[in-house]
Each structure stands twice: as structure tokens, then as C-alpha cells.
Amino acid sequence: MDACTLGDLLDVVGGTSVRLHTAPAGLGAPVTEVLLYDAEGPLPRAPGALLLAVGTRAAAAGPLARAVAEAGMTGLVVRGPDGPVAAADAHGVALLSVPEDTAWHEAHLLLASAIGARPVSSASGHGDLFALADAIAAATGGATAVEDPRRRILAYSTVPGQPVDEDRRQGILGLQVPTGAGDGEQYRTLFAAPAPLRLPALREGALPRLAMAVRAGGETLGSVWVVDDGTLAADAAETLVQGASTAALLLLRTRAAQELARHRTGDLLRRVLEGTADPAGAAVRLGMEGALRVAAFALDTVGPAELADAEQTGLRLLDVVRLQCEARYGRHACVLVDGVVYALLPAVGEHGGDRHRRLAEHIVARAGQALRVPVRAGLGEVVAGLGEVAGSRADADLVLRLPGPSLPVATIDEVRARVTLARLAEVLGERRELSAGSWQRVLAHDERHGSDLARTLVCWFDAGCDMAGAARLLAVHPNTCRYRLRQVRRLVGIDLDDPDERLVLWLQLRVLAGLGPVRTA
């Protein structure tokens, strides 16, 4: 099991629960345990420990920083924001804090749990299951396998000399139990039985099995199978009961470790997307280096029924995106943030952008079918590395904010003009001095008199201030355009000879008034 580091700890509990003020030795400093400060006795020698400054005000904890360093500890934890940062830096120890209203026993439990809840070290996460399979095989006298509910083989015994059949060989080679006639009925019977069952061979040349379901509460976690050639130990069934119980504990522990690892990865990815994570450290932990882009996926909800179930549907969308991305890129980084699923897509080769778009289109189609809710995707700019991911995420978010289900998948480059105008609308609308002006007088005149001055101005600007071109866009005579423009000058008081006035008026009418270009046939 790898040692927990300060960075690992903050990945789990960092943020509002625990705040890091300084770490002179870096985030790679080991964290081994959490100790409570006892003012009545000397500090023990405890390399890697964190000391909780119980009974000491944060502002007065400077001497403790020196004591922590002399005891070989990694850091000091105070309560409240005004801790001794300078003293911690001077003595080379990390300084962390918990909120002022946090009880010390709660802080101790939180930090100790985060340090102790470490993922198992084997690549598959089932190292102890192999040892269990060997122990069951040795005690029962039959080759043993542990499966999950989908009949995938999680672990198998390697005790030499025990009889096996072709099903066992093929299952281990593919880590999947071969399917055949009668298998389904055997599994249904097994999962309904409260005790071990002796199951007959279903194929010629196969051997019978002694099997038992693995359960935790009312949930079936898998099953344990022992090859039965007729020479099993007399107490094989009792051994299997005990083995299934142990398997349940191991599977639950593995699940908890995987959930913790997923939580840590998700928290790290959130900070990467916000631009607050250390890029170098994040690249190592996420296993992602080089150019990449952010793809954002969101439900295109259309009614209250979809909105009511949006949270659960968002989690299902995350599963779909993660599955499809991992199928193409292996280990992958996906996270759900405020209803949007973000994925980091490696940009490899000249045609990476095309692959990204095809992948996004495939995910949108598959997710729409599986969730029965329309899904949209936005792809940000390709950036050089994790340090620039926040910009690519902002691009993807802007794409998603564009209206219209007619655009289910788009890259930022494909909609750059629309995105720019949308952002301009936000900026202009937020500032009174940018949103005020003659465009409002034009719209007010049109509303009072039923005229079409605003549309005429937009068409004239779009035509490069060419009267004939504006007339074609409006499908009117050029003299009508001339008359309307004279009305603008005389009644509204706009100087159309000023190029700056024309530019600002065009932007305000297009962006704030929403008067888009007129398309000719």
C-alpha cells in the first residue's frame, strides 16, 4: 500500500473542510497519522504525523510549529484562519486549519479516516481475493474462482495439482465465465439460495461445482465456485460459507477504495477545470500529459419532468461518458459539475479534433437513447496542457449556452462568431454605459409608430452601407431605404456619417436587440 501524502490528503478533504496555508516540504510529504496535542507531556517522535493543536489558539501556535519540526512530524493543524504561517515556514512544517466551529474529535476522525482509507495496491483492486481463493482451494481441495454478478472472474486459485475442466481454463483466459445452455438457470438458483449448492456439470467433459452466493445485507456482490471432482473435503460446504463471508468484506472494502479513488480524482479534476490545481502534480495523478481539450455534455431538458429527475439522470450521463471515453482512451478523467459532465480528451495527431467530434456525436446519440432525454455537447479549444484546461472548459461552456437543439454537437471553432456575440451581449448588458445609447431610441420609435427603422439600419450596415444592397436584403426599393435613413437622422438624431457611431449602433442592434442578419434566397 502506497504511503499517503499531504497532496493525497487534501485531494480527499481539502477545500472547506481542511485548508492548507503553507507546505514548505511540498505536497509529496508523507502523512502517516493524526495526533492530539497534550500540553502536559512532551511530543513523541512521530515522523509523518499531523499534530492537532488542541487547547492552543491558532494565533499562539507558533511554538508548536517548532516542536512539530523537532518531533519529525509533517505538519500542524490549527482551528481558525489566523495560524502561524511564518513560524511554520521557518521550521519547514506544513500548516493546515479547520473551521473555527469544528470540534477537535471531528477533525481527528476526518483526517484519520482520510489517511486510513487508501486504495488497495494491486492494479485490479482484488489482490486479497486471490489469496482468499487459494485459501479456499487449499481447505476444500478444489480449484476456486470468485466472480462478480456479471460472471466476470475477479480472482482464481493457483494451488498446483487440483483438477480443472475446459470451462475453468477458458474462464481464466478471458476472465469471463463461458456461457452455455442452462447457465442462466443455475445462476438464478444459486443467487436465490441461502447456503452452498452442489451444481451438476452442464456440458460433456465438465466437472460439477460447489458454489455459494456472496452477499452483503440484501445485495448480491458475486459468487464463489469450487470445482468438485468428488474428492472435496468433508467440511467443504462450511469452508465455503466462511469464504463467502470473507469475500463479501473484501469486495465491500474494494468498492469503498474505488469510490474513494473516484472521489479524489473527481475533486482533483474539478480543481483542474477551475484552474486552481498544480498542473505538474495533476498530470502525474491523472496520467494525462500533452495537448488536450475539454468536452462538456449536458442534458437538453425540455420540461419539468426531466428537470425533476435531472440529478439522477446527470449521474447516468456521467456513466455513459466515462464508459465511452475509457473505451477509446483507457484510464480517463470525467467529472460531473453542476449538471454538466466534463471529459478531458487527449489531442494526439493531426486529426485529433475529428476524432473528438465523432466521439462527442457518438456519446450524444448513445446517451440520448439510453436516458430518453436530448443531450448536447460542446468542445473547447485544444490547449497545450492541464495548466490551460480552465480556458478550454470556458470555451465548452460557452458552446453549451448557445440556444437551439439543432446544434447538438459543436466545437468552439465552429461557433466562434456566435459565441463572441453572445459574450458581447453579456458584457454590454452588464454595463449601463455600454448598453445605453441611440439604439434604444430607434426601437422606441419603431414601437410607437410601427416603422422598421432598426431593421433597415441593420441591413444597411450588413450591406456595407450600400443602399442597393440594403434594399435587396429588405426586398424594398432603394428610395425606401433612403427615406428611412433620413428618418433616422432627423427624428432619432443619429449621425450616420460617424464610423464609430455606426459600429456601436450596429453592435447594439445586433447583440442587445437581437436583430440578426437577413438571409437572401
Protein backbone atom coordinates (compact mmCIF):
# COMPACT_ATOMS: atom_id res chain seq x y z
CA MET A 1 0.00 0.00 0.00
CA ASP A 2 1.47 3.38 -1.03
CA ALA A 3 2.06 5.94 1.71
CA CYS A 4 -0.46 8.73 1.98
CA THR A 5 0.97 12.15 1.09
CA LEU A 6 -0.13 15.63 2.04
CA GLY A 7 -1.44 16.05 -1.51
CA ASP A 8 -3.44 12.82 -1.25
CA LEU A 9 -4.97 14.02 2.00
CA LEU A 10 -6.00 17.35 0.52
CA ASP A 11 -7.48 15.62 -2.51
CA VAL A 12 -9.89 13.87 -0.15
CA VAL A 13 -10.71 16.51 2.46
CA GLY A 14 -9.28 19.75 1.09
CA GLY A 15 -11.49 22.75 0.44
CA THR A 16 -13.98 23.89 3.05
CA SER A 17 -13.15 21.07 5.49
CA VAL A 18 -9.38 21.48 5.65
CA ARG A 19 -7.37 24.41 4.35
CA LEU A 20 -3.65 24.35 3.54
CA HIS A 21 -1.77 27.55 4.44
CA THR A 22 1.80 26.51 3.69
CA ALA A 23 3.75 23.37 2.80
CA PRO A 24 7.50 24.09 2.75
CA ALA A 25 8.31 20.41 2.06
CA GLY A 26 5.79 20.18 -0.78
CA LEU A 27 2.61 18.17 -1.26
CA GLY A 28 4.62 14.95 -1.53
CA ALA A 29 5.43 14.98 2.20
CA PRO A 30 4.20 11.74 3.82
CA VAL A 31 1.27 11.76 6.23
CA THR A 32 1.10 8.70 8.47
CA GLU A 33 -1.20 9.51 11.41
CA VAL A 34 -3.03 12.23 13.33
CA LEU A 35 -2.09 13.04 16.95
CA LEU A 36 -3.78 15.19 19.58
CA TYR A 37 -1.57 17.74 21.34
CA ASP A 38 -1.20 17.17 25.07
CA ALA A 39 0.20 20.23 26.82
CA GLU A 40 1.07 18.13 29.90
CA GLY A 41 3.62 15.91 28.19
CA PRO A 42 6.41 16.02 25.59
CA LEU A 43 5.67 15.35 21.95
CA PRO A 44 6.54 11.82 20.81
CA ARG A 45 8.87 11.22 17.91
CA ALA A 46 6.37 10.61 15.09
CA PRO A 47 7.68 11.08 11.53
CA GLY A 48 4.92 11.94 9.10
CA ALA A 49 2.31 12.75 11.75
CA LEU A 50 -0.07 15.70 11.82
CA LEU A 51 -0.50 17.33 15.22
CA LEU A 52 -3.86 18.83 16.16
CA ALA A 53 -3.24 21.96 18.26
CA VAL A 54 -5.81 21.09 20.93
CA GLY A 55 -6.14 23.77 23.61
CA THR A 56 -3.98 26.26 21.70
CA ARG A 57 -5.29 29.33 19.91
CA ALA A 58 -4.27 29.47 16.27
CA ALA A 59 -2.52 32.83 16.64
CA ALA A 60 -0.48 31.50 19.58
CA ALA A 61 0.56 28.20 17.98
CA GLY A 62 3.96 29.41 16.75
CA PRO A 63 5.99 27.48 19.39
CA LEU A 64 4.12 24.31 18.42
CA ALA A 65 5.43 24.60 14.85
CA ARG A 66 8.99 24.31 16.18
CA ALA A 67 8.05 21.36 18.41
CA VAL A 68 6.39 19.63 15.47
CA ALA A 69 9.56 20.03 13.39
CA GLU A 70 11.77 18.69 16.19
CA ALA A 71 9.50 15.64 16.51
CA GLY A 72 9.87 14.89 12.80
CA MET A 73 6.20 15.48 12.11
CA THR A 74 4.88 16.63 8.78
CA GLY A 75 2.52 19.38 9.90
CA LEU A 76 0.43 21.27 12.40
CA VAL A 77 -3.35 21.65 12.30
CA VAL A 78 -4.93 24.67 13.98
CA ARG A 79 -8.52 25.75 14.39
CA GLY A 80 -9.38 29.03 12.67
CA PRO A 81 -7.76 31.00 9.85
CA ASP A 82 -5.06 33.02 11.70
CA GLY A 83 -2.41 30.33 12.14
CA PRO A 84 1.38 30.88 12.47
CA VAL A 85 2.31 30.73 8.79
CA ALA A 86 5.70 32.43 9.24
CA ALA A 87 6.70 30.05 12.04
CA ALA A 88 5.62 27.02 10.02
CA ASP A 89 7.64 28.22 7.03
CA ALA A 90 10.66 28.92 9.19
CA HIS A 91 10.64 25.42 10.67
CA GLY A 92 9.75 23.62 7.44
CA VAL A 93 6.42 22.12 8.52
CA ALA A 94 3.03 22.25 6.83
CA LEU A 95 0.30 24.37 8.39
CA LEU A 96 -3.32 23.39 7.94
CA SER A 97 -6.52 24.66 9.53
CA VAL A 98 -10.06 23.51 10.12
CA PRO A 99 -13.03 25.87 10.55
CA GLU A 100 -13.40 27.59 13.92
CA ASP A 101 -16.58 25.71 14.80
CA THR A 102 -15.11 22.24 14.15
CA ALA A 103 -14.80 20.02 17.23
CA TRP A 104 -11.32 18.54 17.64
CA HIS A 105 -12.66 14.99 17.79
CA GLU A 106 -14.45 15.61 14.47
CA ALA A 107 -11.25 16.94 12.90
CA HIS A 108 -9.32 13.93 14.21
CA LEU A 109 -11.88 11.50 12.78
CA LEU A 110 -11.99 13.29 9.43
CA LEU A 111 -8.21 13.36 8.94
CA ALA A 112 -7.58 9.87 10.31
CA SER A 113 -10.26 8.41 8.05
CA ALA A 114 -8.82 10.14 5.00
CA ILE A 115 -5.33 8.85 5.80
CA GLY A 116 -6.52 5.30 6.51
CA ALA A 117 -8.90 4.96 3.56
CA ARG A 118 -6.26 4.14 0.96
CA PRO A 119 -6.94 2.19 -2.25
CA VAL A 120 -5.56 -1.33 -2.48
CA SER A 121 -2.23 -1.55 -4.24
CA SER A 122 -2.93 -4.19 -6.88
CA ALA A 123 -3.85 -2.96 -10.33
CA SER A 124 -7.15 -4.79 -10.32
CA GLY A 125 -8.05 -3.85 -6.78
CA HIS A 126 -8.63 -7.55 -5.90
CA GLY A 127 -5.22 -8.71 -4.67
CA ASP A 128 -6.58 -10.13 -1.41
CA LEU A 129 -9.28 -12.05 -3.30
CA PHE A 130 -6.59 -14.17 -4.98
CA ALA A 131 -5.17 -15.06 -1.58
CA LEU A 132 -8.69 -15.94 -0.41
CA ALA A 133 -9.27 -18.12 -3.50
CA ASP A 134 -6.03 -20.00 -2.74
CA ALA A 135 -7.04 -20.46 0.90
CA ILE A 136 -10.48 -21.85 -0.03
CA ALA A 137 -8.94 -24.13 -2.65
CA ALA A 138 -6.41 -25.49 -0.15
CA ALA A 139 -9.07 -26.07 2.53
CA THR A 140 -11.72 -27.64 0.27
CA GLY A 141 -9.43 -29.48 -2.13
CA GLY A 142 -10.95 -27.93 -5.26
CA ALA A 143 -9.87 -25.19 -7.68
CA THR A 144 -11.71 -21.99 -6.72
CA ALA A 145 -12.87 -18.87 -8.53
CA VAL A 146 -14.55 -15.67 -7.31
CA GLU A 147 -16.97 -13.97 -9.71
CA ASP A 148 -18.96 -10.74 -9.76
CA PRO A 149 -22.71 -10.70 -10.54
CA ARG A 150 -21.95 -10.33 -14.26
CA ARG A 151 -19.96 -13.61 -14.23
CA ARG A 152 -16.64 -11.84 -14.60
CA ILE A 153 -13.85 -13.69 -12.80
CA LEU A 154 -12.32 -11.43 -10.17
CA ALA A 155 -9.86 -13.93 -8.70
CA TYR A 156 -8.90 -17.61 -9.02
CA SER A 157 -6.78 -20.10 -7.11
CA THR A 158 -3.36 -21.34 -8.24
CA VAL A 159 -2.92 -24.36 -5.97
CA PRO A 160 -0.99 -26.94 -8.07
CA GLY A 161 -2.35 -30.41 -8.84
CA GLN A 162 -6.07 -29.68 -8.49
CA PRO A 163 -8.37 -30.96 -11.29
CA VAL A 164 -9.85 -28.38 -13.65
CA ASP A 165 -12.03 -28.55 -16.78
CA GLU A 166 -12.25 -26.59 -20.03
CA ASP A 167 -14.78 -24.11 -18.61
CA ARG A 168 -12.30 -23.23 -15.88
CA ARG A 169 -9.45 -22.80 -18.38
CA GLN A 170 -11.48 -20.63 -20.77
CA GLY A 171 -12.89 -18.57 -17.92
CA ILE A 172 -9.44 -17.73 -16.57
CA LEU A 173 -8.07 -16.92 -20.03
CA GLY A 174 -10.84 -14.42 -20.73
CA LEU A 175 -11.66 -13.53 -17.10
CA GLN A 176 -15.27 -14.22 -18.07
CA VAL A 177 -17.31 -17.36 -17.46
CA PRO A 178 -18.22 -19.03 -20.80
CA THR A 179 -21.97 -19.02 -21.44
CA GLY A 180 -23.96 -22.07 -22.41
CA ALA A 181 -27.32 -23.78 -22.18
CA GLY A 182 -28.61 -23.98 -18.63
CA ASP A 183 -26.12 -21.49 -17.18
CA GLY A 184 -28.75 -18.84 -16.55
CA GLU A 185 -30.95 -21.18 -14.57
CA GLN A 186 -28.01 -22.31 -12.43
CA TYR A 187 -27.12 -18.72 -11.56
CA ARG A 188 -30.73 -17.83 -10.73
CA THR A 189 -30.94 -20.85 -8.42
CA LEU A 190 -27.60 -20.03 -6.81
CA PHE A 191 -28.41 -16.35 -6.16
CA ALA A 192 -31.74 -17.34 -4.55
CA ALA A 193 -30.18 -19.96 -2.25
CA PRO A 194 -29.13 -19.03 1.32
CA ALA A 195 -26.48 -21.79 1.55
CA PRO A 196 -23.88 -23.52 -0.66
CA LEU A 197 -25.25 -25.58 -3.57
CA ARG A 198 -23.84 -28.57 -5.40
CA LEU A 199 -24.46 -27.91 -9.08
CA PRO A 200 -24.16 -30.57 -11.80
CA ALA A 201 -21.96 -30.24 -14.86
CA LEU A 202 -23.85 -28.83 -17.84
CA ARG A 203 -21.52 -29.90 -20.62
CA GLU A 204 -19.72 -33.07 -21.60
CA GLY A 205 -16.28 -33.24 -20.05
CA ALA A 206 -17.12 -30.59 -17.45
CA LEU A 207 -16.97 -31.13 -13.70
CA PRO A 208 -19.64 -30.33 -11.10
CA ARG A 209 -19.28 -27.32 -8.82
CA LEU A 210 -19.85 -26.41 -5.20
CA ALA A 211 -20.92 -22.77 -5.22
CA MET A 212 -22.28 -20.06 -2.94
CA ALA A 213 -23.53 -16.51 -3.48
CA VAL A 214 -21.61 -13.65 -1.88
CA ARG A 215 -23.94 -11.18 -0.18
CA ALA A 216 -23.84 -8.07 1.98
CA GLY A 217 -27.23 -7.36 3.50
CA GLY A 218 -29.72 -7.82 0.70
CA GLU A 219 -27.24 -7.11 -2.10
CA THR A 220 -25.60 -9.86 -4.14
CA LEU A 221 -21.95 -8.99 -4.68
CA GLY A 222 -20.91 -12.11 -6.59
CA SER A 223 -20.29 -15.79 -6.05
CA VAL A 224 -17.59 -18.33 -5.16
CA TRP A 225 -17.20 -21.56 -7.20
CA VAL A 226 -15.21 -24.67 -6.30
CA VAL A 227 -14.53 -27.42 -8.84
CA ASP A 228 -15.91 -30.67 -7.41
CA ASP A 229 -14.27 -33.85 -8.79
CA GLY A 230 -15.71 -35.95 -5.97
CA THR A 231 -12.75 -35.61 -3.61
CA LEU A 232 -13.63 -32.38 -1.79
CA ALA A 233 -13.06 -32.20 1.96
CA ALA A 234 -15.96 -33.27 4.17
CA ASP A 235 -16.33 -29.77 5.55
CA ALA A 236 -16.03 -28.06 2.14
CA ALA A 237 -19.50 -26.50 2.45
CA GLU A 238 -18.71 -24.97 5.85
CA THR A 239 -15.41 -23.68 4.48
CA LEU A 240 -17.24 -22.09 1.55
CA VAL A 241 -19.69 -20.32 3.89
CA GLN A 242 -16.78 -18.75 5.75
CA GLY A 243 -15.01 -17.94 2.49
CA ALA A 244 -18.09 -16.24 1.03
CA SER A 245 -18.38 -14.10 4.16
CA THR A 246 -14.75 -13.03 3.87
CA ALA A 247 -15.20 -12.37 0.14
CA ALA A 248 -18.10 -10.03 0.95
CA LEU A 249 -15.88 -7.98 3.26
CA LEU A 250 -13.09 -7.82 0.69
CA LEU A 251 -15.46 -6.78 -2.10
CA LEU A 252 -17.00 -4.07 0.06
CA ARG A 253 -13.55 -2.82 1.00
CA THR A 254 -12.50 -2.77 -2.64
CA ARG A 255 -15.67 -0.91 -3.58
CA ALA A 256 -15.02 1.67 -0.86
CA ALA A 257 -11.43 2.11 -2.06
CA GLN A 258 -12.59 2.55 -5.64
CA GLU A 259 -15.21 5.08 -4.58
CA LEU A 260 -12.59 6.98 -2.61
CA ALA A 261 -10.21 6.95 -5.58
CA ARG A 262 -13.03 8.18 -7.83
CA HIS A 263 -13.88 10.92 -5.33
CA ARG A 264 -10.25 12.03 -5.15
CA THR A 265 -9.90 12.02 -8.93
CA GLY A 266 -13.15 13.94 -9.31
CA ASP A 267 -12.11 16.57 -6.76
CA LEU A 268 -8.74 16.96 -8.46
CA LEU A 269 -10.38 17.29 -11.87
CA ARG A 270 -12.75 19.95 -10.55
CA ARG A 271 -9.75 21.98 -9.41
CA VAL A 272 -8.06 21.44 -12.77
CA LEU A 273 -11.15 22.75 -14.54
CA GLU A 274 -11.22 25.77 -12.22
CA GLY A 275 -7.52 26.43 -12.79
CA THR A 276 -6.62 26.06 -9.09
CA ALA A 277 -4.70 22.75 -9.20
CA ASP A 278 -0.96 22.34 -9.62
CA PRO A 279 -0.62 21.29 -13.30
CA ALA A 280 2.50 19.16 -12.82
CA GLY A 281 1.10 17.22 -9.88
CA ALA A 282 -2.30 16.85 -11.55
CA ALA A 283 -0.68 15.49 -14.72
CA VAL A 284 1.02 12.73 -12.72
CA ARG A 285 -2.09 11.80 -10.74
CA LEU A 286 -4.44 11.87 -13.71
CA GLY A 287 -1.93 10.22 -16.03
CA MET A 288 -2.53 12.92 -18.66
CA GLU A 289 0.22 14.91 -20.31
CA GLY A 290 0.44 16.90 -23.53
CA ALA A 291 -2.23 18.64 -25.58
CA LEU A 292 -5.89 18.05 -24.78
CA ARG A 293 -9.30 19.63 -24.90
CA VAL A 294 -12.37 19.73 -22.69
CA ALA A 295 -15.62 18.20 -23.88
CA ALA A 296 -18.76 19.20 -21.98
CA PHE A 297 -22.01 17.22 -22.07
CA ALA A 298 -25.33 18.43 -20.69
CA LEU A 299 -28.96 17.37 -20.68
CA ASP A 300 -31.06 19.46 -23.06
CA THR A 301 -34.03 19.36 -20.67
CA VAL A 302 -37.31 20.49 -22.13
CA GLY A 303 -39.87 20.12 -19.35
CA PRO A 304 -40.49 19.81 -15.61
CA ALA A 305 -40.47 16.00 -15.72
CA GLU A 306 -36.89 15.94 -17.00
CA LEU A 307 -35.82 18.72 -14.63
CA ALA A 308 -37.24 16.87 -11.62
CA ASP A 309 -35.01 13.87 -12.35
CA ALA A 310 -32.04 15.88 -13.63
CA GLU A 311 -29.66 14.97 -10.77
CA GLN A 312 -30.07 11.21 -11.19
CA THR A 313 -30.03 11.49 -14.96
CA GLY A 314 -26.85 13.56 -14.75
CA LEU A 315 -25.14 10.72 -12.87
CA ARG A 316 -26.27 8.28 -15.55
CA LEU A 317 -24.92 10.64 -18.20
CA LEU A 318 -21.58 10.63 -16.35
CA ASP A 319 -21.53 6.81 -16.55
CA VAL A 320 -22.21 6.90 -20.30
CA VAL A 321 -19.49 9.50 -20.97
CA ARG A 322 -16.95 7.71 -18.77
CA LEU A 323 -17.63 4.34 -20.41
CA GLN A 324 -17.28 5.67 -23.96
CA CYS A 325 -14.15 7.70 -23.17
CA GLU A 326 -12.44 4.82 -21.38
CA ALA A 327 -13.23 2.51 -24.30
CA ARG A 328 -11.17 4.81 -26.54
CA TYR A 329 -8.53 6.27 -24.25
CA GLY A 330 -8.24 3.75 -21.40
CA ARG A 331 -7.94 5.37 -17.96
CA HIS A 332 -9.85 8.57 -18.24
CA ALA A 333 -10.81 11.73 -16.37
CA CYS A 334 -14.52 12.58 -16.27
CA VAL A 335 -16.46 14.52 -13.65
CA LEU A 336 -19.97 15.87 -13.07
CA VAL A 337 -20.07 19.55 -12.05
CA ASP A 338 -23.35 21.44 -11.62
CA GLY A 339 -25.22 19.17 -14.01
CA VAL A 340 -22.53 19.22 -16.73
CA VAL A 341 -20.26 16.23 -17.43
CA TYR A 342 -16.72 17.26 -18.36
CA ALA A 343 -14.19 14.95 -20.01
CA LEU A 344 -10.53 15.60 -20.83
CA LEU A 345 -9.79 14.31 -24.32
CA PRO A 346 -6.13 13.78 -25.32
CA ALA A 347 -5.29 15.57 -28.59
CA VAL A 348 -2.98 13.17 -30.41
CA GLY A 349 -2.09 13.63 -34.09
CA GLU A 350 -3.40 15.99 -36.73
CA HIS A 351 -6.89 14.53 -36.80
CA GLY A 352 -7.49 14.52 -33.05
CA GLY A 353 -10.17 17.16 -33.47
CA ASP A 354 -12.11 14.99 -35.92
CA ARG A 355 -11.92 12.05 -33.52
CA HIS A 356 -13.10 14.23 -30.67
CA ARG A 357 -16.11 15.40 -32.64
CA ARG A 358 -17.01 11.88 -33.74
CA LEU A 359 -16.71 10.66 -30.15
CA ALA A 360 -18.93 13.50 -28.91
CA GLU A 361 -21.52 12.74 -31.59
CA HIS A 362 -21.47 9.06 -30.62
CA ILE A 363 -21.88 9.88 -26.92
CA VAL A 364 -24.73 12.30 -27.61
CA ALA A 365 -26.54 9.67 -29.68
CA ARG A 366 -25.98 6.84 -27.19
CA ALA A 367 -26.84 8.97 -24.16
CA GLY A 368 -29.99 10.29 -25.81
CA GLN A 369 -31.17 6.75 -26.47
CA ALA A 370 -30.26 5.44 -23.02
CA LEU A 371 -31.57 8.37 -21.00
CA ARG A 372 -34.52 9.31 -23.22
CA VAL A 373 -33.53 12.96 -22.86
CA PRO A 374 -31.78 15.05 -25.56
CA VAL A 375 -28.09 15.62 -24.82
CA ARG A 376 -25.82 18.36 -26.17
CA ALA A 377 -22.04 18.57 -26.33
CA GLY A 378 -19.60 21.45 -26.57
CA LEU A 379 -15.88 21.05 -27.32
CA GLY A 380 -13.41 23.71 -26.20
CA GLU A 381 -10.15 24.79 -27.76
CA VAL A 382 -7.24 22.34 -27.85
CA VAL A 383 -4.73 23.53 -25.22
CA ALA A 384 -1.11 22.64 -24.54
CA GLY A 385 -1.61 21.01 -21.15
CA LEU A 386 -3.50 20.79 -17.88
CA GLY A 387 -2.43 24.30 -16.90
CA GLU A 388 -4.65 25.74 -19.65
CA VAL A 389 -7.66 23.45 -19.17
CA ALA A 390 -9.73 26.17 -17.47
CA GLY A 391 -9.75 28.13 -20.75
CA SER A 392 -10.86 25.10 -22.77
CA ARG A 393 -13.59 24.44 -20.20
CA ALA A 394 -14.80 28.05 -20.54
CA ASP A 395 -14.98 27.55 -24.33
CA ALA A 396 -17.01 24.35 -23.94
CA ASP A 397 -19.39 26.06 -21.51
CA LEU A 398 -19.97 28.90 -23.98
CA VAL A 399 -20.81 26.43 -26.73
CA LEU A 400 -23.37 24.73 -24.49
CA ARG A 401 -25.01 28.07 -23.73
CA LEU A 402 -25.85 28.69 -27.36
CA PRO A 403 -29.57 28.12 -27.95
CA GLY A 404 -31.02 25.52 -30.24
CA PRO A 405 -31.34 21.72 -30.23
CA SER A 406 -30.46 21.90 -33.94
CA LEU A 407 -26.83 22.14 -32.80
CA PRO A 408 -26.36 19.03 -30.59
CA VAL A 409 -22.56 18.90 -31.04
CA ALA A 410 -20.25 21.80 -31.86
CA THR A 411 -16.64 22.84 -31.36
CA ILE A 412 -15.71 26.33 -30.27
CA ASP A 413 -14.17 27.00 -33.70
CA GLU A 414 -17.42 26.12 -35.47
CA VAL A 415 -19.43 28.65 -33.49
CA ARG A 416 -16.77 31.24 -32.70
CA ALA A 417 -18.78 34.13 -34.17
CA ARG A 418 -21.97 33.19 -32.32
CA VAL A 419 -20.09 32.68 -29.07
CA THR A 420 -18.33 36.04 -29.43
CA LEU A 421 -21.63 37.83 -29.98
CA ALA A 422 -23.18 36.01 -27.03
CA ARG A 423 -20.35 37.10 -24.77
CA LEU A 424 -20.58 40.65 -26.10
CA ALA A 425 -24.28 40.63 -25.26
CA GLU A 426 -23.46 39.66 -21.68
CA VAL A 427 -20.76 42.30 -21.32
CA LEU A 428 -22.83 45.07 -22.92
CA GLY A 429 -25.89 44.15 -20.90
CA GLU A 430 -23.99 44.24 -17.59
CA ARG A 431 -22.67 47.79 -18.04
CA ARG A 432 -25.09 50.72 -18.25
CA GLU A 433 -22.64 52.91 -20.15
CA LEU A 434 -22.25 50.20 -22.80
CA SER A 435 -25.92 49.33 -23.14
CA ALA A 436 -27.27 52.90 -23.26
CA GLY A 437 -27.43 54.86 -26.48
CA SER A 438 -29.29 55.73 -29.65
CA TRP A 439 -30.32 52.13 -30.43
CA GLN A 440 -32.96 52.34 -27.73
CA ARG A 441 -34.43 55.50 -29.31
CA VAL A 442 -34.63 53.69 -32.66
CA LEU A 443 -36.51 50.75 -31.14
CA ALA A 444 -38.81 53.08 -29.22
CA HIS A 445 -39.68 54.95 -32.43
CA ASP A 446 -40.45 51.69 -34.24
CA GLU A 447 -42.68 50.56 -31.39
CA ARG A 448 -44.63 53.83 -31.26
CA HIS A 449 -45.07 54.32 -34.99
CA GLY A 450 -44.93 50.76 -36.39
CA SER A 451 -41.91 51.70 -38.52
CA ASP A 452 -38.96 49.47 -39.45
CA LEU A 453 -36.01 51.78 -38.87
CA ALA A 454 -34.00 49.33 -36.73
CA ARG A 455 -34.18 46.53 -39.30
CA THR A 456 -33.30 48.98 -42.07
CA LEU A 457 -30.22 50.12 -40.18
CA VAL A 458 -29.03 46.55 -39.60
CA CYS A 459 -29.46 45.64 -43.28
CA TRP A 460 -27.69 48.82 -44.36
CA PHE A 461 -24.77 48.05 -42.03
CA ASP A 462 -24.69 44.41 -43.18
CA ALA A 463 -24.58 45.56 -46.79
CA GLY A 464 -21.52 47.70 -46.10
CA CYS A 465 -23.59 50.91 -46.10
CA ASP A 466 -24.60 50.22 -49.69
CA MET A 467 -28.13 51.44 -50.38
CA ALA A 468 -28.85 48.96 -53.18
CA GLY A 469 -27.56 46.07 -51.11
CA ALA A 470 -29.72 47.07 -48.14
CA ALA A 471 -32.74 47.35 -50.41
CA ARG A 472 -32.17 43.81 -51.69
CA LEU A 473 -31.95 42.46 -48.13
CA LEU A 474 -35.17 44.25 -47.19
CA ALA A 475 -36.91 43.47 -50.50
CA VAL A 476 -37.83 47.17 -50.94
CA HIS A 477 -36.93 49.94 -53.38
CA PRO A 478 -33.66 51.80 -52.68
CA ASN A 479 -35.61 55.03 -52.31
CA THR A 480 -37.48 53.45 -49.38
CA CYS A 481 -34.15 52.79 -47.68
CA ARG A 482 -33.05 56.36 -48.30
CA TYR A 483 -36.25 57.70 -46.79
CA ARG A 484 -35.93 55.52 -43.69
CA LEU A 485 -32.33 56.54 -43.13
CA ARG A 486 -33.30 60.20 -43.40
CA GLN A 487 -35.92 59.49 -40.75
CA VAL A 488 -33.19 58.06 -38.52
CA ARG A 489 -31.09 61.18 -38.90
CA ARG A 490 -33.97 63.65 -38.48
CA LEU A 491 -36.25 62.02 -35.91
CA VAL A 492 -33.82 59.98 -33.83
CA GLY A 493 -30.80 62.24 -34.10
CA ILE A 494 -28.11 59.75 -35.14
CA ASP A 495 -25.00 60.84 -37.04
CA LEU A 496 -24.68 58.07 -39.64
CA ASP A 497 -21.59 59.74 -41.12
CA ASP A 498 -19.59 58.89 -37.99
CA PRO A 499 -18.00 55.41 -38.45
CA ASP A 500 -17.70 54.90 -34.68
CA GLU A 501 -21.39 55.72 -34.21
CA ARG A 502 -22.27 53.26 -36.96
CA LEU A 503 -20.14 50.48 -35.44
CA VAL A 504 -21.55 50.86 -31.90
CA LEU A 505 -25.12 51.15 -33.21
CA TRP A 506 -24.70 48.01 -35.34
CA LEU A 507 -23.32 46.04 -32.38
CA GLN A 508 -26.07 47.15 -30.04
CA LEU A 509 -28.84 46.40 -32.51
CA ARG A 510 -27.37 43.02 -33.43
CA VAL A 511 -26.33 41.94 -29.93
CA LEU A 512 -28.67 43.66 -27.49
CA ALA A 513 -31.77 43.96 -29.65
CA GLY A 514 -31.19 40.52 -31.19
CA LEU A 515 -31.69 41.72 -34.78
CA GLY A 516 -29.78 39.08 -36.71
CA PRO A 517 -28.80 39.33 -40.36
CA VAL A 518 -31.40 38.96 -43.09
CA ARG A 519 -30.60 35.99 -45.34
CA THR A 520 -31.41 36.30 -49.02
CA ALA A 521 -32.64 33.34 -51.02
